[in-house]
Amino acid sequence: MEKLTQQEEEAMQLIWRNGGGFIKELLDCMEGDKVPYTTLASTLKNLQRKGYVKAVKYANAYRYEALVKEEDYKKLFMNGFVSDYFRNSYKELVSFFAREEKISTEELDEIIRMIKEDKSE
């Protein structure tokens, strides 16, 4: 699976969040500044070429649907991120966020509780 550009990731987020859609529908769902129609169309063509989406033809328009699950993409690239920036240590990742005050003690306690609950099931 090929790493996506930021623009491609944003398009995939739209597709994942909305369960797919026509270009116009996806543009309508965009928050903030909207990219031009042709830009999104080009991005979706790239995603199709890379095997991330399929285009299903309806009359004279295409509806784009995800071929890659969001969870699968996250797993693959989070592992690379942790490896590249935190010496393959999730402990380093969490301590970085704690030092930068991006995660609270309460949130850490909640994460620990979730981990313990998952292991007991």
PDB file of N, CA and C in Angstrom:
ATOM      1  N   MET A   1       0.858  -1.178   0.000  1.00  0.00           N
ATOM      2  CA  MET A   1       0.000   0.000   0.000  1.00  0.00           C
ATOM      3  C   MET A   1       0.903   1.240   0.000  1.00  0.00           C
ATOM      4  N   GLU A   2       0.631   2.131  -0.893  1.00  0.00           N
ATOM      5  CA  GLU A   2       1.430   3.339  -1.079  1.00  0.00           C
ATOM      6  C   GLU A   2       0.958   4.454  -0.135  1.00  0.00           C
ATOM      7  N   LYS A   3       1.920   5.189   0.434  1.00  0.00           N
ATOM      8  CA  LYS A   3       1.594   6.326   1.299  1.00  0.00           C
ATOM      9  C   LYS A   3       0.910   7.393   0.461  1.00  0.00           C
ATOM     10  N   LEU A   4      -0.106   8.005   1.038  1.00  0.00           N
ATOM     11  CA  LEU A   4      -0.866   9.031   0.326  1.00  0.00           C
ATOM     12  C   LEU A   4      -0.336  10.423   0.635  1.00  0.00           C
ATOM     13  N   THR A   5      -0.545  11.338  -0.302  1.00  0.00           N
ATOM     14  CA  THR A   5      -0.233  12.744  -0.062  1.00  0.00           C
ATOM     15  C   THR A   5      -1.294  13.306   0.881  1.00  0.00           C
ATOM     16  N   GLN A   6      -1.046  14.482   1.425  1.00  0.00           N
ATOM     17  CA  GLN A   6      -2.021  15.097   2.324  1.00  0.00           C
ATOM     18  C   GLN A   6      -3.359  15.302   1.612  1.00  0.00           C
ATOM     19  N   GLN A   7      -3.298  15.764   0.369  1.00  0.00           N
ATOM     20  CA  GLN A   7      -4.521  16.000  -0.403  1.00  0.00           C
ATOM     21  C   GLN A   7      -5.279  14.688  -0.627  1.00  0.00           C
ATOM     22  N   GLU A   8      -4.548  13.609  -0.906  1.00  0.00           N
ATOM     23  CA  GLU A   8      -5.179  12.310  -1.112  1.00  0.00           C
ATOM     24  C   GLU A   8      -5.785  11.792   0.196  1.00  0.00           C
ATOM     25  N   GLU A   9      -5.070  11.986   1.310  1.00  0.00           N
ATOM     26  CA  GLU A   9      -5.607  11.565   2.612  1.00  0.00           C
ATOM     27  C   GLU A   9      -6.894  12.316   2.939  1.00  0.00           C
ATOM     28  N   GLU A  10      -6.931  13.602   2.640  1.00  0.00           N
ATOM     29  CA  GLU A  10      -8.138  14.387   2.895  1.00  0.00           C
ATOM     30  C   GLU A  10      -9.309  13.874   2.057  1.00  0.00           C
ATOM     31  N   ALA A  11      -9.041  13.507   0.815  1.00  0.00           N
ATOM     32  CA  ALA A  11     -10.098  12.953  -0.045  1.00  0.00           C
ATOM     33  C   ALA A  11     -10.562  11.604   0.499  1.00  0.00           C
ATOM     34  N   MET A  12      -9.620  10.777   0.947  1.00  0.00           N
ATOM     35  CA  MET A  12     -10.002   9.483   1.522  1.00  0.00           C
ATOM     36  C   MET A  12     -10.824   9.678   2.785  1.00  0.00           C
ATOM     37  N   GLN A  13     -10.470  10.671   3.603  1.00  0.00           N
ATOM     38  CA  GLN A  13     -11.253  10.949   4.813  1.00  0.00           C
ATOM     39  C   GLN A  13     -12.704  11.254   4.443  1.00  0.00           C
ATOM     40  N   LEU A  14     -12.888  12.037   3.389  1.00  0.00           N
ATOM     41  CA  LEU A  14     -14.249  12.333   2.922  1.00  0.00           C
ATOM     42  C   LEU A  14     -14.988  11.058   2.511  1.00  0.00           C
ATOM     43  N   ILE A  15     -14.303  10.218   1.774  1.00  0.00           N
ATOM     44  CA  ILE A  15     -14.919   8.978   1.303  1.00  0.00           C
ATOM     45  C   ILE A  15     -15.237   8.056   2.481  1.00  0.00           C
ATOM     46  N   TRP A  16     -14.285   7.898   3.402  1.00  0.00           N
ATOM     47  CA  TRP A  16     -14.530   7.042   4.564  1.00  0.00           C
ATOM     48  C   TRP A  16     -15.679   7.588   5.418  1.00  0.00           C
ATOM     49  N   ARG A  17     -15.657   8.869   5.656  1.00  0.00           N
ATOM     50  CA  ARG A  17     -16.658   9.497   6.531  1.00  0.00           C
ATOM     51  C   ARG A  17     -18.066   9.417   5.934  1.00  0.00           C
ATOM     52  N   ASN A  18     -18.166   9.496   4.603  1.00  0.00           N
ATOM     53  CA  ASN A  18     -19.474   9.543   3.942  1.00  0.00           C
ATOM     54  C   ASN A  18     -19.865   8.235   3.267  1.00  0.00           C
ATOM     55  N   GLY A  19     -19.028   7.220   3.392  1.00  0.00           N
ATOM     56  CA  GLY A  19     -19.342   5.948   2.744  1.00  0.00           C
ATOM     57  C   GLY A  19     -19.272   6.024   1.233  1.00  0.00           C
ATOM     58  N   GLY A  20     -18.439   6.935   0.714  1.00  0.00           N
ATOM     59  CA  GLY A  20     -18.304   7.137  -0.725  1.00  0.00           C
ATOM     60  C   GLY A  20     -19.140   8.316  -1.182  1.00  0.00           C
ATOM     61  N   GLY A  21     -19.107   8.579  -2.481  1.00  0.00           N
ATOM     62  CA  GLY A  21     -19.928   9.654  -3.012  1.00  0.00           C
ATOM     63  C   GLY A  21     -19.475  10.126  -4.371  1.00  0.00           C
ATOM     64  N   PHE A  22     -20.344  10.917  -4.990  1.00  0.00           N
ATOM     65  CA  PHE A  22     -20.006  11.603  -6.233  1.00  0.00           C
ATOM     66  C   PHE A  22     -19.144  12.808  -5.880  1.00  0.00           C
ATOM     67  N   ILE A  23     -18.401  13.321  -6.838  1.00  0.00           N
ATOM     68  CA  ILE A  23     -17.500  14.444  -6.584  1.00  0.00           C
ATOM     69  C   ILE A  23     -18.260  15.619  -5.979  1.00  0.00           C
ATOM     70  N   LYS A  24     -19.399  15.956  -6.537  1.00  0.00           N
ATOM     71  CA  LYS A  24     -20.192  17.086  -6.026  1.00  0.00           C
ATOM     72  C   LYS A  24     -20.593  16.860  -4.574  1.00  0.00           C
ATOM     73  N   GLU A  25     -21.032  15.643  -4.241  1.00  0.00           N
ATOM     74  CA  GLU A  25     -21.406  15.319  -2.860  1.00  0.00           C
ATOM     75  C   GLU A  25     -20.218  15.466  -1.919  1.00  0.00           C
ATOM     76  N   LEU A  26     -19.070  14.979  -2.356  1.00  0.00           N
ATOM     77  CA  LEU A  26     -17.875  15.062  -1.517  1.00  0.00           C
ATOM     78  C   LEU A  26     -17.453  16.510  -1.311  1.00  0.00           C
ATOM     79  N   LEU A  27     -17.552  17.314  -2.371  1.00  0.00           N
ATOM     80  CA  LEU A  27     -17.239  18.744  -2.242  1.00  0.00           C
ATOM     81  C   LEU A  27     -18.175  19.417  -1.238  1.00  0.00           C
ATOM     82  N   ASP A  28     -19.445  19.055  -1.286  1.00  0.00           N
ATOM     83  CA  ASP A  28     -20.422  19.641  -0.363  1.00  0.00           C
ATOM     84  C   ASP A  28     -20.124  19.288   1.090  1.00  0.00           C
ATOM     85  N   CYS A  29     -19.475  18.153   1.306  1.00  0.00           N
ATOM     86  CA  CYS A  29     -19.151  17.704   2.668  1.00  0.00           C
ATOM     87  C   CYS A  29     -17.844  18.279   3.195  1.00  0.00           C
ATOM     88  N   MET A  30     -17.068  18.920   2.333  1.00  0.00           N
ATOM     89  CA  MET A  30     -15.779  19.473   2.747  1.00  0.00           C
ATOM     90  C   MET A  30     -15.979  20.640   3.700  1.00  0.00           C
ATOM     91  N   GLU A  31     -15.127  20.662   4.721  1.00  0.00           N
ATOM     92  CA  GLU A  31     -15.146  21.772   5.662  1.00  0.00           C
ATOM     93  C   GLU A  31     -14.095  22.791   5.238  1.00  0.00           C
ATOM     94  N   GLY A  32     -14.315  24.042   5.593  1.00  0.00           N
ATOM     95  CA  GLY A  32     -13.342  25.082   5.270  1.00  0.00           C
ATOM     96  C   GLY A  32     -13.327  25.401   3.791  1.00  0.00           C
ATOM     97  N   ASP A  33     -12.154  25.808   3.303  1.00  0.00           N
ATOM     98  CA  ASP A  33     -12.008  26.151   1.890  1.00  0.00           C
ATOM     99  C   ASP A  33     -12.148  24.906   1.033  1.00  0.00           C
ATOM    100  N   LYS A  34     -13.006  24.984   0.058  1.00  0.00           N
ATOM    101  CA  LYS A  34     -13.228  23.860  -0.834  1.00  0.00           C
ATOM    102  C   LYS A  34     -12.248  23.936  -2.007  1.00  0.00           C
ATOM    103  N   VAL A  35     -11.746  22.767  -2.388  1.00  0.00           N
ATOM    104  CA  VAL A  35     -10.864  22.719  -3.554  1.00  0.00           C
ATOM    105  C   VAL A  35     -11.736  22.777  -4.803  1.00  0.00           C
ATOM    106  N   PRO A  36     -11.166  23.175  -5.934  1.00  0.00           N
ATOM    107  CA  PRO A  36     -11.945  23.167  -7.175  1.00  0.00           C
ATOM    108  C   PRO A  36     -12.382  21.741  -7.549  1.00  0.00           C
ATOM    109  N   TYR A  37     -13.483  21.644  -8.247  1.00  0.00           N
ATOM    110  CA  TYR A  37     -14.046  20.369  -8.699  1.00  0.00           C
ATOM    111  C   TYR A  37     -12.981  19.546  -9.426  1.00  0.00           C
ATOM    112  N   THR A  38     -12.248  20.201 -10.339  1.00  0.00           N
ATOM    113  CA  THR A  38     -11.262  19.477 -11.147  1.00  0.00           C
ATOM    114  C   THR A  38     -10.110  18.944 -10.291  1.00  0.00           C
ATOM    115  N   THR A  39      -9.765  19.660  -9.228  1.00  0.00           N
ATOM    116  CA  THR A  39      -8.699  19.204  -8.333  1.00  0.00           C
ATOM    117  C   THR A  39      -9.118  17.934  -7.613  1.00  0.00           C
ATOM    118  N   LEU A  40     -10.341  17.939  -7.069  1.00  0.00           N
ATOM    119  CA  LEU A  40     -10.834  16.738  -6.389  1.00  0.00           C
ATOM    120  C   LEU A  40     -10.970  15.585  -7.372  1.00  0.00           C
ATOM    121  N   ALA A  41     -11.438  15.862  -8.569  1.00  0.00           N
ATOM    122  CA  ALA A  41     -11.580  14.813  -9.593  1.00  0.00           C
ATOM    123  C   ALA A  41     -10.220  14.192  -9.901  1.00  0.00           C
ATOM    124  N   SER A  42      -9.203  15.018 -10.037  1.00  0.00           N
ATOM    125  CA  SER A  42      -7.855  14.536 -10.315  1.00  0.00           C
ATOM    126  C   SER A  42      -7.307  13.712  -9.145  1.00  0.00           C
ATOM    127  N   THR A  43      -7.563  14.169  -7.935  1.00  0.00           N
ATOM    128  CA  THR A  43      -7.116  13.448  -6.742  1.00  0.00           C
ATOM    129  C   THR A  43      -7.781  12.078  -6.670  1.00  0.00           C
ATOM    130  N   LEU A  44      -9.076  12.022  -6.970  1.00  0.00           N
ATOM    131  CA  LEU A  44      -9.794  10.751  -6.944  1.00  0.00           C
ATOM    132  C   LEU A  44      -9.290   9.799  -8.029  1.00  0.00           C
ATOM    133  N   LYS A  45      -8.918  10.337  -9.177  1.00  0.00           N
ATOM    134  CA  LYS A  45      -8.338   9.502 -10.249  1.00  0.00           C
ATOM    135  C   LYS A  45      -7.016   8.899  -9.772  1.00  0.00           C
ATOM    136  N   ASN A  46      -6.207   9.699  -9.061  1.00  0.00           N
ATOM    137  CA  ASN A  46      -4.945   9.185  -8.518  1.00  0.00           C
ATOM    138  C   ASN A  46      -5.208   8.088  -7.492  1.00  0.00           C
ATOM    139  N   LEU A  47      -6.209   8.293  -6.636  1.00  0.00           N
ATOM    140  CA  LEU A  47      -6.552   7.292  -5.632  1.00  0.00           C
ATOM    141  C   LEU A  47      -7.046   6.008  -6.297  1.00  0.00           C
ATOM    142  N   GLN A  48      -7.749   6.153  -7.397  1.00  0.00           N
ATOM    143  CA  GLN A  48      -8.215   4.988  -8.148  1.00  0.00           C
ATOM    144  C   GLN A  48      -7.015   4.249  -8.747  1.00  0.00           C
ATOM    145  N   ARG A  49      -6.097   4.987  -9.320  1.00  0.00           N
ATOM    146  CA  ARG A  49      -4.890   4.389  -9.917  1.00  0.00           C
ATOM    147  C   ARG A  49      -4.065   3.648  -8.863  1.00  0.00           C
ATOM    148  N   LYS A  50      -4.021   4.197  -7.634  1.00  0.00           N
ATOM    149  CA  LYS A  50      -3.256   3.581  -6.550  1.00  0.00           C
ATOM    150  C   LYS A  50      -4.003   2.427  -5.883  1.00  0.00           C
ATOM    151  N   GLY A  51      -5.266   2.216  -6.252  1.00  0.00           N
ATOM    152  CA  GLY A  51      -6.025   1.102  -5.712  1.00  0.00           C
ATOM    153  C   GLY A  51      -6.752   1.382  -4.401  1.00  0.00           C
ATOM    154  N   TYR A  52      -6.925   2.658  -4.072  1.00  0.00           N
ATOM    155  CA  TYR A  52      -7.605   3.027  -2.830  1.00  0.00           C
ATOM    156  C   TYR A  52      -9.113   3.168  -3.005  1.00  0.00           C
ATOM    157  N   VAL A  53      -9.556   3.530  -4.195  1.00  0.00           N
ATOM    158  CA  VAL A  53     -10.984   3.705  -4.452  1.00  0.00           C
ATOM    159  C   VAL A  53     -11.343   3.043  -5.777  1.00  0.00           C
ATOM    160  N   LYS A  54     -12.638   2.783  -5.930  1.00  0.00           N
ATOM    161  CA  LYS A  54     -13.145   2.338  -7.227  1.00  0.00           C
ATOM    162  C   LYS A  54     -14.195   3.346  -7.664  1.00  0.00           C
ATOM    163  N   ALA A  55     -14.332   3.488  -8.966  1.00  0.00           N
ATOM    164  CA  ALA A  55     -15.318   4.392  -9.540  1.00  0.00           C
ATOM    165  C   ALA A  55     -16.443   3.547 -10.130  1.00  0.00           C
ATOM    166  N   VAL A  56     -17.647   3.776  -9.623  1.00  0.00           N
ATOM    167  CA  VAL A  56     -18.823   3.052 -10.115  1.00  0.00           C
ATOM    168  C   VAL A  56     -19.633   4.021 -10.966  1.00  0.00           C
ATOM    169  N   LYS A  57     -19.847   3.663 -12.227  1.00  0.00           N
ATOM    170  CA  LYS A  57     -20.533   4.575 -13.151  1.00  0.00           C
ATOM    171  C   LYS A  57     -22.046   4.524 -12.965  1.00  0.00           C
ATOM    172  N   TYR A  58     -22.635   5.706 -12.825  1.00  0.00           N
ATOM    173  CA  TYR A  58     -24.087   5.894 -12.771  1.00  0.00           C
ATOM    174  C   TYR A  58     -24.420   6.927 -13.845  1.00  0.00           C
ATOM    175  N   ALA A  59     -25.094   6.489 -14.901  1.00  0.00           N
ATOM    176  CA  ALA A  59     -25.414   7.364 -16.043  1.00  0.00           C
ATOM    177  C   ALA A  59     -24.117   7.987 -16.557  1.00  0.00           C
ATOM    178  N   ASN A  60     -23.951   9.320 -16.411  1.00  0.00           N
ATOM    179  CA  ASN A  60     -22.746   9.965 -16.937  1.00  0.00           C
ATOM    180  C   ASN A  60     -21.827  10.460 -15.814  1.00  0.00           C
ATOM    181  N   ALA A  61     -21.988   9.922 -14.623  1.00  0.00           N
ATOM    182  CA  ALA A  61     -21.156  10.342 -13.488  1.00  0.00           C
ATOM    183  C   ALA A  61     -20.609   9.113 -12.764  1.00  0.00           C
ATOM    184  N   TYR A  62     -19.537   9.324 -12.018  1.00  0.00           N
ATOM    185  CA  TYR A  62     -18.921   8.253 -11.251  1.00  0.00           C
ATOM    186  C   TYR A  62     -19.092   8.507  -9.760  1.00  0.00           C
ATOM    187  N   ARG A  63     -19.410   7.438  -9.042  1.00  0.00           N
ATOM    188  CA  ARG A  63     -19.475   7.480  -7.589  1.00  0.00           C
ATOM    189  C   ARG A  63     -18.250   6.731  -7.082  1.00  0.00           C
ATOM    190  N   TYR A  64     -17.505   7.364  -6.194  1.00  0.00           N
ATOM    191  CA  TYR A  64     -16.269   6.791  -5.688  1.00  0.00           C
ATOM    192  C   TYR A  64     -16.507   6.092  -4.360  1.00  0.00           C
ATOM    193  N   GLU A  65     -15.970   4.868  -4.249  1.00  0.00           N
ATOM    194  CA  GLU A  65     -16.123   4.059  -3.051  1.00  0.00           C
ATOM    195  C   GLU A  65     -14.759   3.543  -2.623  1.00  0.00           C
ATOM    196  N   ALA A  66     -14.556   3.457  -1.312  1.00  0.00           N
ATOM    197  CA  ALA A  66     -13.266   3.015  -0.766  1.00  0.00           C
ATOM    198  C   ALA A  66     -13.037   1.532  -1.030  1.00  0.00           C
ATOM    199  N   LEU A  67     -11.824   1.200  -1.405  1.00  0.00           N
ATOM    200  CA  LEU A  67     -11.389  -0.187  -1.517  1.00  0.00           C
ATOM    201  C   LEU A  67     -10.510  -0.567  -0.330  1.00  0.00           C
ATOM    202  N   VAL A  68      -9.975   0.441   0.346  1.00  0.00           N
ATOM    203  CA  VAL A  68      -9.111   0.249   1.511  1.00  0.00           C
ATOM    204  C   VAL A  68      -9.853   0.758   2.732  1.00  0.00           C
ATOM    205  N   LYS A  69      -9.897  -0.051   3.768  1.00  0.00           N
ATOM    206  CA  LYS A  69     -10.563   0.354   5.004  1.00  0.00           C
ATOM    207  C   LYS A  69      -9.704   1.373   5.743  1.00  0.00           C
ATOM    208  N   GLU A  70     -10.376   2.320   6.366  1.00  0.00           N
ATOM    209  CA  GLU A  70      -9.675   3.362   7.123  1.00  0.00           C
ATOM    210  C   GLU A  70      -8.778   2.742   8.196  1.00  0.00           C
ATOM    211  N   GLU A  71      -9.276   1.745   8.885  1.00  0.00           N
ATOM    212  CA  GLU A  71      -8.524   1.092   9.958  1.00  0.00           C
ATOM    213  C   GLU A  71      -7.237   0.457   9.421  1.00  0.00           C
ATOM    214  N   ASP A  72      -7.304  -0.172   8.247  1.00  0.00           N
ATOM    215  CA  ASP A  72      -6.122  -0.794   7.650  1.00  0.00           C
ATOM    216  C   ASP A  72      -5.075   0.254   7.297  1.00  0.00           C
ATOM    217  N   TYR A  73      -5.524   1.374   6.751  1.00  0.00           N
ATOM    218  CA  TYR A  73      -4.594   2.459   6.403  1.00  0.00           C
ATOM    219  C   TYR A  73      -3.929   3.020   7.661  1.00  0.00           C
ATOM    220  N   LYS A  74      -4.722   3.256   8.696  1.00  0.00           N
ATOM    221  CA  LYS A  74      -4.178   3.790   9.945  1.00  0.00           C
ATOM    222  C   LYS A  74      -3.128   2.857  10.533  1.00  0.00           C
ATOM    223  N   LYS A  75      -3.438   1.570  10.573  1.00  0.00           N
ATOM    224  CA  LYS A  75      -2.502   0.602  11.154  1.00  0.00           C
ATOM    225  C   LYS A  75      -1.168   0.633  10.432  1.00  0.00           C
ATOM    226  N   LEU A  76      -1.224   0.575   9.120  1.00  0.00           N
ATOM    227  CA  LEU A  76       0.000   0.519   8.330  1.00  0.00           C
ATOM    228  C   LEU A  76       0.861   1.755   8.531  1.00  0.00           C
ATOM    229  N   PHE A  77       0.251   2.927   8.452  1.00  0.00           N
ATOM    230  CA  PHE A  77       1.061   4.139   8.487  1.00  0.00           C
ATOM    231  C   PHE A  77       1.348   4.637   9.891  1.00  0.00           C
ATOM    232  N   MET A  78       0.570   4.233  10.869  1.00  0.00           N
ATOM    233  CA  MET A  78       0.930   4.562  12.256  1.00  0.00           C
ATOM    234  C   MET A  78       2.168   3.777  12.665  1.00  0.00           C
ATOM    235  N   ASN A  79       2.241   2.510  12.235  1.00  0.00           N
ATOM    236  CA  ASN A  79       3.425   1.711  12.538  1.00  0.00           C
ATOM    237  C   ASN A  79       4.675   2.364  11.958  1.00  0.00           C
ATOM    238  N   GLY A  80       4.584   2.865  10.735  1.00  0.00           N
ATOM    239  CA  GLY A  80       5.721   3.548  10.108  1.00  0.00           C
ATOM    240  C   GLY A  80       6.061   4.842  10.817  1.00  0.00           C
ATOM    241  N   PHE A  81       5.046   5.574  11.234  1.00  0.00           N
ATOM    242  CA  PHE A  81       5.244   6.836  11.946  1.00  0.00           C
ATOM    243  C   PHE A  81       5.967   6.597  13.262  1.00  0.00           C
ATOM    244  N   VAL A  82       5.501   5.622  14.016  1.00  0.00           N
ATOM    245  CA  VAL A  82       6.122   5.314  15.308  1.00  0.00           C
ATOM    246  C   VAL A  82       7.554   4.835  15.098  1.00  0.00           C
ATOM    247  N   SER A  83       7.755   4.036  14.085  1.00  0.00           N
ATOM    248  CA  SER A  83       9.091   3.543  13.779  1.00  0.00           C
ATOM    249  C   SER A  83      10.033   4.685  13.388  1.00  0.00           C
ATOM    250  N   ASP A  84       9.559   5.574  12.522  1.00  0.00           N
ATOM    251  CA  ASP A  84      10.401   6.663  12.013  1.00  0.00           C
ATOM    252  C   ASP A  84      10.709   7.727  13.058  1.00  0.00           C
ATOM    253  N   TYR A  85       9.746   8.064  13.902  1.00  0.00           N
ATOM    254  CA  TYR A  85       9.908   9.212  14.803  1.00  0.00           C
ATOM    255  C   TYR A  85      10.103   8.848  16.265  1.00  0.00           C
ATOM    256  N   PHE A  86       9.773   7.615  16.657  1.00  0.00           N
ATOM    257  CA  PHE A  86       9.836   7.264  18.074  1.00  0.00           C
ATOM    258  C   PHE A  86      10.570   5.954  18.313  1.00  0.00           C
ATOM    259  N   ARG A  87      11.539   5.640  17.452  1.00  0.00           N
ATOM    260  CA  ARG A  87      12.381   4.454  17.588  1.00  0.00           C
ATOM    261  C   ARG A  87      11.560   3.185  17.809  1.00  0.00           C
ATOM    262  N   ASN A  88      10.440   3.129  17.122  1.00  0.00           N
ATOM    263  CA  ASN A  88       9.551   1.968  17.169  1.00  0.00           C
ATOM    264  C   ASN A  88       9.001   1.696  18.570  1.00  0.00           C
ATOM    265  N   SER A  89       8.888   2.758  19.382  1.00  0.00           N
ATOM    266  CA  SER A  89       8.411   2.607  20.754  1.00  0.00           C
ATOM    267  C   SER A  89       7.139   3.425  20.972  1.00  0.00           C
ATOM    268  N   TYR A  90       6.050   2.704  21.247  1.00  0.00           N
ATOM    269  CA  TYR A  90       4.798   3.404  21.556  1.00  0.00           C
ATOM    270  C   TYR A  90       4.894   4.100  22.907  1.00  0.00           C
ATOM    271  N   LYS A  91       5.728   3.572  23.771  1.00  0.00           N
ATOM    272  CA  LYS A  91       5.986   4.224  25.061  1.00  0.00           C
ATOM    273  C   LYS A  91       6.598   5.611  24.826  1.00  0.00           C
ATOM    274  N   GLU A  92       7.553   5.689  23.903  1.00  0.00           N
ATOM    275  CA  GLU A  92       8.156   6.989  23.539  1.00  0.00           C
ATOM    276  C   GLU A  92       7.102   7.942  22.982  1.00  0.00           C
ATOM    277  N   LEU A  93       6.214   7.414  22.163  1.00  0.00           N
ATOM    278  CA  LEU A  93       5.142   8.217  21.572  1.00  0.00           C
ATOM    279  C   LEU A  93       4.251   8.809  22.667  1.00  0.00           C
ATOM    280  N   VAL A  94       3.801   7.966  23.582  1.00  0.00           N
ATOM    281  CA  VAL A  94       2.911   8.429  24.649  1.00  0.00           C
ATOM    282  C   VAL A  94       3.630   9.414  25.562  1.00  0.00           C
ATOM    283  N   SER A  95       4.895   9.128  25.902  1.00  0.00           N
ATOM    284  CA  SER A  95       5.617  10.049  26.790  1.00  0.00           C
ATOM    285  C   SER A  95       5.861  11.393  26.102  1.00  0.00           C
ATOM    286  N   PHE A  96       6.046  11.385  24.787  1.00  0.00           N
ATOM    287  CA  PHE A  96       6.183  12.643  24.045  1.00  0.00           C
ATOM    288  C   PHE A  96       4.928  13.497  24.215  1.00  0.00           C
ATOM    289  N   PHE A  97       3.762  12.881  24.017  1.00  0.00           N
ATOM    290  CA  PHE A  97       2.508  13.630  24.151  1.00  0.00           C
ATOM    291  C   PHE A  97       2.280  14.078  25.586  1.00  0.00           C
ATOM    292  N   ALA A  98       2.687  13.279  26.543  1.00  0.00           N
ATOM    293  CA  ALA A  98       2.541  13.670  27.952  1.00  0.00           C
ATOM    294  C   ALA A  98       3.441  14.869  28.255  1.00  0.00           C
ATOM    295  N   ARG A  99       4.697  14.824  27.793  1.00  0.00           N
ATOM    296  CA  ARG A  99       5.622  15.950  28.023  1.00  0.00           C
ATOM    297  C   ARG A  99       5.135  17.230  27.361  1.00  0.00           C
ATOM    298  N   GLU A 100       4.539  17.078  26.186  1.00  0.00           N
ATOM    299  CA  GLU A 100       4.041  18.248  25.451  1.00  0.00           C
ATOM    300  C   GLU A 100       2.657  18.688  25.939  1.00  0.00           C
ATOM    301  N   GLU A 101       2.162  17.997  26.962  1.00  0.00           N
ATOM    302  CA  GLU A 101       0.850  18.295  27.553  1.00  0.00           C
ATOM    303  C   GLU A 101      -0.279  18.206  26.522  1.00  0.00           C
ATOM    304  N   LYS A 102      -0.160  17.219  25.651  1.00  0.00           N
ATOM    305  CA  LYS A 102      -1.194  16.952  24.644  1.00  0.00           C
ATOM    306  C   LYS A 102      -2.140  15.853  25.118  1.00  0.00           C
ATOM    307  N   ILE A 103      -1.770  15.206  26.227  1.00  0.00           N
ATOM    308  CA  ILE A 103      -2.609  14.166  26.808  1.00  0.00           C
ATOM    309  C   ILE A 103      -2.573  14.331  28.325  1.00  0.00           C
ATOM    310  N   SER A 104      -3.726  14.226  28.942  1.00  0.00           N
ATOM    311  CA  SER A 104      -3.827  14.438  30.388  1.00  0.00           C
ATOM    312  C   SER A 104      -3.643  13.133  31.155  1.00  0.00           C
ATOM    313  N   THR A 105      -3.429  13.265  32.454  1.00  0.00           N
ATOM    314  CA  THR A 105      -3.324  12.099  33.328  1.00  0.00           C
ATOM    315  C   THR A 105      -4.616  11.294  33.281  1.00  0.00           C
ATOM    316  N   GLU A 106      -5.744  11.997  33.248  1.00  0.00           N
ATOM    317  CA  GLU A 106      -7.033  11.316  33.189  1.00  0.00           C
ATOM    318  C   GLU A 106      -7.165  10.500  31.903  1.00  0.00           C
ATOM    319  N   GLU A 107      -6.713  11.076  30.798  1.00  0.00           N
ATOM    320  CA  GLU A 107      -6.775  10.354  29.526  1.00  0.00           C
ATOM    321  C   GLU A 107      -5.862   9.134  29.547  1.00  0.00           C
ATOM    322  N   LEU A 108      -4.687   9.274  30.144  1.00  0.00           N
ATOM    323  CA  LEU A 108      -3.772   8.130  30.264  1.00  0.00           C
ATOM    324  C   LEU A 108      -4.405   7.029  31.119  1.00  0.00           C
ATOM    325  N   ASP A 109      -5.041   7.426  32.226  1.00  0.00           N
ATOM    326  CA  ASP A 109      -5.725   6.447  33.078  1.00  0.00           C
ATOM    327  C   ASP A 109      -6.826   5.732  32.300  1.00  0.00           C
ATOM    328  N   GLU A 110      -7.545   6.488  31.477  1.00  0.00           N
ATOM    329  CA  GLU A 110      -8.612   5.889  30.669  1.00  0.00           C
ATOM    330  C   GLU A 110      -8.040   4.893  29.662  1.00  0.00           C
ATOM    331  N   ILE A 111      -6.915   5.238  29.057  1.00  0.00           N
ATOM    332  CA  ILE A 111      -6.263   4.339  28.100  1.00  0.00           C
ATOM    333  C   ILE A 111      -5.834   3.053  28.797  1.00  0.00           C
ATOM    334  N   ILE A 112      -5.246   3.177  29.981  1.00  0.00           N
ATOM    335  CA  ILE A 112      -4.820   2.002  30.745  1.00  0.00           C
ATOM    336  C   ILE A 112      -6.020   1.122  31.078  1.00  0.00           C
ATOM    337  N   ARG A 113      -7.122   1.747  31.494  1.00  0.00           N
ATOM    338  CA  ARG A 113      -8.337   0.998  31.804  1.00  0.00           C
ATOM    339  C   ARG A 113      -8.832   0.252  30.572  1.00  0.00           C
ATOM    340  N   MET A 114      -8.816   0.920  29.405  1.00  0.00           N
ATOM    341  CA  MET A 114      -9.271   0.293  28.163  1.00  0.00           C
ATOM    342  C   MET A 114      -8.394  -0.905  27.806  1.00  0.00           C
ATOM    343  N   ILE A 115      -7.097  -0.764  28.002  1.00  0.00           N
ATOM    344  CA  ILE A 115      -6.166  -1.854  27.684  1.00  0.00           C
ATOM    345  C   ILE A 115      -6.441  -3.046  28.595  1.00  0.00           C
ATOM    346  N   LYS A 116      -6.618  -2.759  29.886  1.00  0.00           N
ATOM    347  CA  LYS A 116      -6.891  -3.837  30.844  1.00  0.00           C
ATOM    348  C   LYS A 116      -8.200  -4.535  30.517  1.00  0.00           C
ATOM    349  N   GLU A 117      -9.227  -3.786  30.147  1.00  0.00           N
ATOM    350  CA  GLU A 117     -10.513  -4.378  29.804  1.00  0.00           C
ATOM    351  C   GLU A 117     -10.409  -5.261  28.562  1.00  0.00           C
ATOM    352  N   ASP A 118      -9.641  -4.798  27.553  1.00  0.00           N
ATOM    353  CA  ASP A 118      -9.470  -5.586  26.338  1.00  0.00           C
ATOM    354  C   ASP A 118      -8.754  -6.903  26.626  1.00  0.00           C
ATOM    355  N   LYS A 119      -7.783  -6.876  27.528  1.00  0.00           N
ATOM    356  CA  LYS A 119      -7.022  -8.095  27.851  1.00  0.00           C
ATOM    357  C   LYS A 119      -7.846  -9.083  28.658  1.00  0.00           C
ATOM    358  N   SER A 120      -8.825  -8.573  29.415  1.00  0.00           N
ATOM    359  CA  SER A 120      -9.622  -9.472  30.253  1.00  0.00           C
ATOM    360  C   SER A 120     -10.763 -10.127  29.469  1.00  0.00           C
ATOM    361  N   GLU A 121     -11.037  -9.653  28.289  1.00  0.00           N
ATOM    362  CA  GLU A 121     -12.149 -10.220  27.486  1.00  0.00           C
ATOM    363  C   GLU A 121     -11.747 -11.478  26.791  1.00  0.00           C
TER     364      GLU A 121
END
